[in-house]
Amino acid sequence: MDTIKSAVYLRISDDKTGEALGIARHREDCLRLCAQKGWGPVEYVDNDTSSKAGVDRPAYRQMLSDIASGALQAVVCWHTDRLTRVPIEGEEFMDLVVRMGIERNLATVTGEIDLSTDDGRFMFRIHAAVARQEMERKSARHKSASRQKAQMGKAHSTGRAFGYNTNGTLKTNEANAIRAAHIAMLAGATLYGIAAQWNQQGLTSTRGNRWTGRTVRQVLINGRYAGLRFHLGELVTDDTGQPVKVEWKPIVDRDTWEQTRALLSGQVHRQEQRTQASTHRPGGLRRMRFKDGQHVAQQRPGFRLHLQNVLWSEPRNGADRPVRHRRDRGASGAGRCRRGAGQATPRHIGAH
């Protein structure tokens, strides 16, 4: 007689350490059960994967496919809630094993369930319903705790955020880069240009990744850096309607952040912003002036300016004015200026 091939389905919802220790414990118990029954184990592992509706579980899908093809004749798991916590998925699983004639071969470490009987199917449904209720209760607790955390002005995550040290204090070089990036955006710089500059300076994300225009945008529109706490997309306020007091030090003022967010959210069109740039100074600048053949940005204390791709014309009648030059985009995103007929040589605003 051929050995029955049994799926050994292993799943842990949350593997915080990444060491799959829970999977290892369940594997040992399930393989022992297979040995007792004389079944040949075939492992299917979804580590650090929730079973809630909408979450893709590649190993689970593959197991169902193999059952449907006749490659498996039994299923072993630590508990039925490892298979699913969604009642409708439980119904689909039962329909499949009954159709394939293996409804008697479902075994769990916590007890066997015979899906060929109405009592067995009833117990399977009860287990799925109880697992779903536990999942919803846990979700409600987490939502309540997150709401309370936001109202207390605590950070959303305990991990280090770009611009801050692990103890919550400012990380000077990163904080300065964020301030300069806000100033640069309001002066006409691009996200790609800022990303290229941060990469050239050796700055990386907290995960050690290089910067892109998209990830720079995520930093600049994050209200955290203006000392604001958001929860589910809404600003958290106190009983007086004012933003809650947060436990960390802001990096930019709220007005500057709101201008940048509006710009990046499309609420202020680029053309309008260019027009404003000719008459309004960015929040971190005092004035633009011409000195020794270059334009120099005089800054307020505490600001360090990096605007490598903001171009300015030669002074005319003693006045500085920004001009829009066409640029060829390179791989880094930084612009190369094309000089047109009659145009003055563009100048970069350097760090001073």
Protein backbone atom coordinates (compact mmCIF):
# COMPACT_ATOMS: atom_id res chain seq x y z
CA MET A 1 0.00 0.00 0.00
CA ASP A 2 1.33 3.43 -0.96
CA THR A 3 2.18 5.80 1.88
CA ILE A 4 -0.39 8.55 2.37
CA LYS A 5 1.10 11.94 1.58
CA SER A 6 0.01 14.52 4.11
CA ALA A 7 0.28 18.27 3.98
CA VAL A 8 1.86 19.69 7.12
CA TYR A 9 0.59 23.27 7.19
CA LEU A 10 2.59 25.60 9.45
CA ARG A 11 1.65 29.24 10.07
CA ILE A 12 2.55 31.87 12.64
CA SER A 13 0.84 35.28 12.43
CA ASP A 14 3.53 37.45 13.97
CA ASP A 15 7.18 36.47 14.03
CA LYS A 16 8.77 39.47 15.76
CA THR A 17 12.31 38.06 15.82
CA GLY A 18 12.29 36.58 12.31
CA GLU A 19 13.79 33.36 13.70
CA ALA A 20 10.67 31.23 13.01
CA LEU A 21 10.83 29.72 16.49
CA GLY A 22 7.05 29.24 16.63
CA ILE A 23 7.15 27.45 13.29
CA ALA A 24 9.90 25.18 14.61
CA ARG A 25 7.83 24.22 17.67
CA HIS A 26 4.74 23.47 15.58
CA ARG A 27 6.79 21.54 13.01
CA GLU A 28 8.17 19.21 15.67
CA ASP A 29 4.69 18.39 16.99
CA CYS A 30 3.15 17.94 13.54
CA LEU A 31 5.93 15.70 12.24
CA ARG A 32 5.58 13.53 15.34
CA LEU A 33 1.86 13.19 14.60
CA CYS A 34 2.59 12.21 10.98
CA ALA A 35 5.04 9.56 12.19
CA GLN A 36 2.40 8.14 14.54
CA LYS A 37 -0.04 7.80 11.63
CA GLY A 38 2.52 6.57 9.13
CA TRP A 39 1.88 9.51 6.81
CA GLY A 40 4.56 11.03 4.61
CA PRO A 41 4.83 14.76 5.46
CA VAL A 42 4.96 17.53 2.84
CA GLU A 43 5.55 20.92 4.48
CA TYR A 44 3.77 24.16 3.58
CA VAL A 45 4.98 27.17 5.59
CA ASP A 46 3.50 30.69 5.84
CA ASN A 47 5.66 32.33 8.50
CA ASP A 48 4.79 35.76 9.87
CA THR A 49 1.52 35.70 7.94
CA SER A 50 -1.96 36.52 9.21
CA SER A 51 -4.94 34.40 8.23
CA LYS A 52 -7.36 37.30 8.15
CA ALA A 53 -9.38 37.91 5.02
CA GLY A 54 -7.52 39.50 2.13
CA VAL A 55 -4.03 38.44 3.22
CA ASP A 56 -2.23 36.37 0.61
CA ARG A 57 -0.87 33.05 1.88
CA PRO A 58 1.17 31.49 -0.93
CA ALA A 59 1.86 28.22 0.88
CA TYR A 60 -1.80 27.77 1.81
CA ARG A 61 -2.88 28.37 -1.79
CA GLN A 62 -0.31 25.87 -3.01
CA MET A 63 -1.55 23.29 -0.51
CA LEU A 64 -5.14 23.66 -1.72
CA SER A 65 -3.95 23.31 -5.31
CA ASP A 66 -2.05 20.12 -4.45
CA ILE A 67 -5.09 18.69 -2.65
CA ALA A 68 -7.26 19.46 -5.68
CA SER A 69 -4.75 17.73 -7.97
CA GLY A 70 -4.78 14.57 -5.85
CA ALA A 71 -1.15 14.93 -4.81
CA LEU A 72 -2.13 14.96 -1.10
CA GLN A 73 -4.38 12.60 0.79
CA ALA A 74 -4.30 14.13 4.27
CA VAL A 75 -3.77 17.39 6.14
CA VAL A 76 -1.97 17.91 9.47
CA CYS A 77 -1.77 21.21 11.37
CA TRP A 78 -1.17 22.25 14.95
CA HIS A 79 -4.74 23.56 15.34
CA THR A 80 -7.54 24.31 12.88
CA ASP A 81 -7.05 28.05 13.44
CA ARG A 82 -3.67 27.63 11.73
CA LEU A 83 -5.60 26.73 8.58
CA THR A 84 -7.99 29.67 8.73
CA ARG A 85 -9.71 32.18 10.96
CA VAL A 86 -12.19 33.15 8.28
CA PRO A 87 -15.42 31.08 8.26
CA ILE A 88 -15.93 31.32 4.50
CA GLU A 89 -12.42 29.94 3.92
CA GLY A 90 -13.26 27.11 6.31
CA GLU A 91 -16.29 26.24 4.19
CA GLU A 92 -14.17 26.23 1.04
CA PHE A 93 -11.61 23.96 2.71
CA MET A 94 -14.28 21.49 3.84
CA ASP A 95 -15.89 21.42 0.40
CA LEU A 96 -12.51 20.64 -1.17
CA VAL A 97 -11.50 17.76 1.12
CA VAL A 98 -14.99 16.23 0.91
CA ARG A 99 -14.92 16.45 -2.88
CA MET A 100 -11.48 14.80 -2.96
CA GLY A 101 -12.61 12.06 -0.54
CA ILE A 102 -10.05 12.83 2.20
CA GLU A 103 -12.44 14.32 4.75
CA ARG A 104 -11.45 11.68 7.33
CA ASN A 105 -7.76 12.60 7.09
CA LEU A 106 -7.64 15.94 8.89
CA ALA A 107 -5.50 15.67 12.01
CA THR A 108 -4.38 18.32 14.44
CA VAL A 109 -2.02 18.20 17.40
CA THR A 110 -4.88 19.37 19.61
CA GLY A 111 -7.29 16.65 18.42
CA GLU A 112 -8.73 15.06 15.32
CA ILE A 113 -11.82 16.29 13.48
CA ASP A 114 -13.74 13.96 11.20
CA LEU A 115 -15.19 16.14 8.45
CA SER A 116 -17.22 13.21 7.12
CA THR A 117 -19.71 13.68 9.98
CA ASP A 118 -22.06 16.54 10.72
CA ASP A 119 -20.66 16.80 14.24
CA GLY A 120 -17.13 17.04 12.87
CA ARG A 121 -18.07 19.77 10.39
CA PHE A 122 -19.96 21.57 13.17
CA MET A 123 -16.87 21.55 15.40
CA PHE A 124 -14.70 22.78 12.52
CA ARG A 125 -17.12 25.67 11.97
CA ILE A 126 -17.16 26.46 15.69
CA HIS A 127 -13.36 26.57 15.77
CA ALA A 128 -13.29 28.94 12.78
CA ALA A 129 -15.95 31.21 14.32
CA VAL A 130 -14.16 31.33 17.69
CA ALA A 131 -10.85 32.08 15.97
CA ARG A 132 -12.49 34.91 14.01
CA GLN A 133 -13.98 36.33 17.21
CA GLU A 134 -10.59 36.24 18.92
CA MET A 135 -9.01 37.99 15.95
CA GLU A 136 -11.66 40.75 15.97
CA ARG A 137 -11.31 41.22 19.73
CA LYS A 138 -7.54 41.52 19.40
CA SER A 139 -7.99 44.03 16.59
CA ALA A 140 -10.36 46.11 18.74
CA ARG A 141 -7.82 46.14 21.59
CA HIS A 142 -5.04 47.25 19.26
CA LYS A 143 -7.19 50.01 17.76
CA SER A 144 -8.14 51.28 21.20
CA ALA A 145 -4.51 51.26 22.35
CA SER A 146 -3.39 53.07 19.19
CA ARG A 147 -6.06 55.73 19.67
CA GLN A 148 -5.02 56.26 23.29
CA LYS A 149 -1.37 56.44 22.29
CA ALA A 150 -2.16 59.13 19.73
CA GLN A 151 -4.20 61.19 22.20
CA MET A 152 -1.25 61.10 24.60
CA GLY A 153 1.02 62.53 21.91
CA LYS A 154 3.19 59.43 21.74
CA ALA A 155 4.93 58.37 18.56
CA HIS A 156 3.19 55.85 16.34
CA SER A 157 6.18 53.51 16.33
CA THR A 158 8.91 52.80 18.86
CA GLY A 159 11.46 52.43 16.06
CA ARG A 160 13.88 55.20 15.09
CA ALA A 161 12.52 57.78 12.69
CA PHE A 162 14.75 59.53 10.16
CA GLY A 163 15.94 62.78 11.75
CA TYR A 164 15.92 61.37 15.28
CA ASN A 165 18.13 59.18 17.43
CA THR A 166 16.76 56.04 19.05
CA ASN A 167 16.21 57.96 22.30
CA GLY A 168 14.05 60.54 20.52
CA THR A 169 16.58 63.36 20.38
CA LEU A 170 17.40 65.08 17.12
CA LYS A 171 20.06 63.54 14.90
CA THR A 172 21.74 66.72 13.74
CA ASN A 173 22.83 65.87 10.20
CA GLU A 174 19.52 64.26 9.29
CA ALA A 175 17.45 67.00 10.92
CA ASN A 176 19.41 69.66 9.02
CA ALA A 177 18.85 67.75 5.78
CA ILE A 178 15.10 67.72 6.39
CA ARG A 179 15.01 71.47 7.09
CA ALA A 180 17.06 72.21 3.99
CA ALA A 181 14.84 69.97 1.88
CA HIS A 182 11.72 71.91 2.91
CA ILE A 183 13.43 75.17 1.99
CA ALA A 184 14.59 73.69 -1.29
CA MET A 185 11.14 72.48 -2.28
CA LEU A 186 9.61 75.90 -1.60
CA ALA A 187 12.37 77.49 -3.68
CA GLY A 188 11.65 75.25 -6.68
CA ALA A 189 13.83 72.17 -6.18
CA THR A 190 12.71 68.66 -7.16
CA LEU A 191 12.24 65.57 -5.05
CA TYR A 192 14.65 63.69 -7.29
CA GLY A 193 17.29 66.37 -6.88
CA ILE A 194 16.95 66.27 -3.10
CA ALA A 195 17.14 62.47 -3.13
CA ALA A 196 20.32 62.60 -5.23
CA GLN A 197 21.86 65.10 -2.83
CA TRP A 198 21.01 63.05 0.25
CA ASN A 199 22.56 59.99 -1.40
CA GLN A 200 25.70 61.98 -2.26
CA GLN A 201 25.94 63.05 1.38
CA GLY A 202 25.83 59.41 2.48
CA LEU A 203 22.42 59.69 4.12
CA THR A 204 20.25 56.58 4.11
CA SER A 205 16.82 55.70 5.40
CA THR A 206 16.52 54.08 8.81
CA ARG A 207 16.49 50.75 6.96
CA GLY A 208 19.74 51.58 5.21
CA ASN A 209 18.16 52.19 1.80
CA ARG A 210 19.12 54.86 -0.73
CA TRP A 211 16.72 57.75 -1.20
CA THR A 212 14.32 58.15 -4.10
CA GLY A 213 11.94 60.96 -4.96
CA ARG A 214 9.08 58.92 -3.53
CA THR A 215 10.74 58.25 -0.17
CA VAL A 216 11.86 61.87 0.17
CA ARG A 217 8.25 62.91 -0.43
CA GLN A 218 7.11 60.59 2.38
CA VAL A 219 9.47 62.36 4.77
CA LEU A 220 8.48 65.88 3.73
CA ILE A 221 4.71 65.31 4.08
CA ASN A 222 5.03 63.50 7.41
CA GLY A 223 3.43 65.70 10.08
CA ARG A 224 5.70 64.21 12.72
CA TYR A 225 8.47 66.59 11.66
CA ALA A 226 6.24 69.59 12.41
CA GLY A 227 5.35 68.24 15.86
CA LEU A 228 1.91 67.01 14.77
CA ARG A 229 0.34 63.64 15.62
CA PHE A 230 -1.96 62.02 13.09
CA HIS A 231 -4.13 58.96 13.63
CA LEU A 232 -5.86 57.21 10.73
CA GLY A 233 -5.10 60.22 8.56
CA GLU A 234 -6.63 62.80 10.91
CA LEU A 235 -4.84 65.38 13.06
CA VAL A 236 -5.19 64.50 16.74
CA THR A 237 -6.37 67.45 18.85
CA ASP A 238 -7.09 68.05 22.52
CA ASP A 239 -10.34 69.18 24.12
CA THR A 240 -9.73 72.76 23.00
CA GLY A 241 -9.24 71.79 19.38
CA GLN A 242 -5.50 72.39 19.43
CA PRO A 243 -3.01 69.77 18.24
CA VAL A 244 -2.00 67.47 21.09
CA LYS A 245 1.38 68.14 22.63
CA VAL A 246 3.82 65.53 21.36
CA GLU A 247 6.70 63.96 23.21
CA TRP A 248 9.31 64.70 20.52
CA LYS A 249 10.92 67.91 19.29
CA PRO A 250 9.73 69.17 15.87
CA ILE A 251 12.27 69.74 13.12
CA VAL A 252 10.38 72.32 11.02
CA ASP A 253 7.69 74.83 11.93
CA ARG A 254 4.09 74.04 11.06
CA ASP A 255 3.72 76.81 8.47
CA THR A 256 6.71 75.56 6.48
CA TRP A 257 5.46 71.98 6.65
CA GLU A 258 1.96 72.94 5.53
CA GLN A 259 3.35 74.88 2.55
CA THR A 260 5.47 71.89 1.53
CA ARG A 261 2.60 69.45 1.99
CA ALA A 262 0.28 71.63 -0.06
CA LEU A 263 2.87 71.83 -2.81
CA LEU A 264 3.47 68.08 -2.86
CA SER A 265 -0.23 67.28 -2.60
CA GLY A 266 -0.98 69.32 -5.70
CA GLN A 267 -2.95 71.95 -3.78
CA VAL A 268 -0.51 74.57 -5.01
CA HIS A 269 0.32 74.18 -8.69
CA ARG A 270 3.95 74.30 -9.71
CA GLN A 271 3.35 77.30 -11.93
CA GLU A 272 1.80 79.23 -9.07
CA GLN A 273 4.71 78.24 -6.84
CA ARG A 274 7.24 79.51 -9.38
CA THR A 275 5.41 82.82 -9.56
CA GLN A 276 5.38 83.10 -5.78
CA ALA A 277 9.11 82.27 -5.63
CA SER A 278 9.92 85.50 -7.44
CA THR A 279 8.28 87.64 -4.76
CA HIS A 280 8.41 85.52 -1.58
CA ARG A 281 11.39 84.19 0.30
CA PRO A 282 11.34 80.60 1.64
CA GLY A 283 10.90 80.41 5.39
CA GLY A 284 14.57 79.69 6.11
CA LEU A 285 16.03 82.53 4.02
CA ARG A 286 16.50 86.18 4.83
CA ARG A 287 17.31 87.43 1.33
CA MET A 288 19.15 86.62 -1.89
CA ARG A 289 22.08 88.76 -2.88
CA PHE A 290 24.84 88.80 -5.47
CA LYS A 291 28.43 88.56 -4.29
CA ASP A 292 31.71 87.81 -6.04
CA GLY A 293 29.98 86.55 -9.18
CA GLN A 294 27.66 84.16 -7.29
CA HIS A 295 24.29 84.34 -5.69
CA VAL A 296 24.43 83.75 -1.98
CA ALA A 297 21.56 82.79 0.30
CA GLN A 298 21.72 84.39 3.71
CA GLN A 299 20.02 82.05 6.13
CA ARG A 300 18.37 82.26 9.48
CA PRO A 301 20.34 80.67 12.31
CA GLY A 302 19.99 76.91 12.47
CA PHE A 303 19.35 76.43 8.75
CA ARG A 304 21.85 74.88 6.35
CA LEU A 305 20.91 75.34 2.74
CA HIS A 306 21.47 72.79 -0.02
CA LEU A 307 19.85 73.88 -3.28
CA GLN A 308 22.07 72.41 -5.94
CA ASN A 309 19.39 72.37 -8.59
CA VAL A 310 17.79 75.76 -7.90
CA LEU A 311 19.03 78.12 -10.61
CA TRP A 312 19.18 81.88 -10.52
CA SER A 313 19.82 84.52 -13.19
CA GLU A 314 22.46 87.18 -13.23
CA PRO A 315 21.29 90.27 -11.32
CA ARG A 316 19.37 92.81 -13.32
CA ASN A 317 19.11 96.32 -11.93
CA GLY A 318 20.42 95.01 -8.63
CA ALA A 319 17.53 92.57 -8.18
CA ASP A 320 17.79 88.81 -7.89
CA ARG A 321 15.19 86.77 -9.68
CA PRO A 322 14.72 83.04 -10.22
CA VAL A 323 14.45 81.73 -13.76
CA ARG A 324 13.22 78.43 -15.08
CA HIS A 325 15.81 76.63 -17.19
CA ARG A 326 15.16 73.50 -19.16
CA ARG A 327 16.90 70.48 -17.72
CA ASP A 328 17.96 67.11 -19.00
CA ARG A 329 17.24 64.48 -16.39
CA GLY A 330 20.15 62.25 -15.56
CA ALA A 331 20.01 58.92 -13.76
CA SER A 332 20.45 60.63 -10.43
CA GLY A 333 17.57 63.03 -11.02
CA ALA A 334 19.81 66.10 -10.84
CA GLY A 335 19.26 68.61 -13.61
CA ARG A 336 21.77 69.76 -16.21
CA CYS A 337 21.00 73.22 -17.48
CA ARG A 338 20.81 74.07 -21.15
CA ARG A 339 21.84 77.61 -21.94
CA GLY A 340 19.55 79.25 -24.44
CA ALA A 341 20.38 82.21 -26.63
CA GLY A 342 20.65 85.38 -24.63
CA GLN A 343 20.42 83.63 -21.28
CA ALA A 344 22.85 84.47 -18.57
CA THR A 345 24.96 81.74 -17.06
CA PRO A 346 22.92 80.10 -14.34
CA ARG A 347 24.32 80.07 -10.84
CA HIS A 348 23.86 77.49 -8.13
CA ILE A 349 23.11 78.44 -4.59
CA GLY A 350 25.78 76.72 -2.58
CA ALA A 351 25.96 75.78 1.09
CA HIS A 352 27.44 78.59 3.16
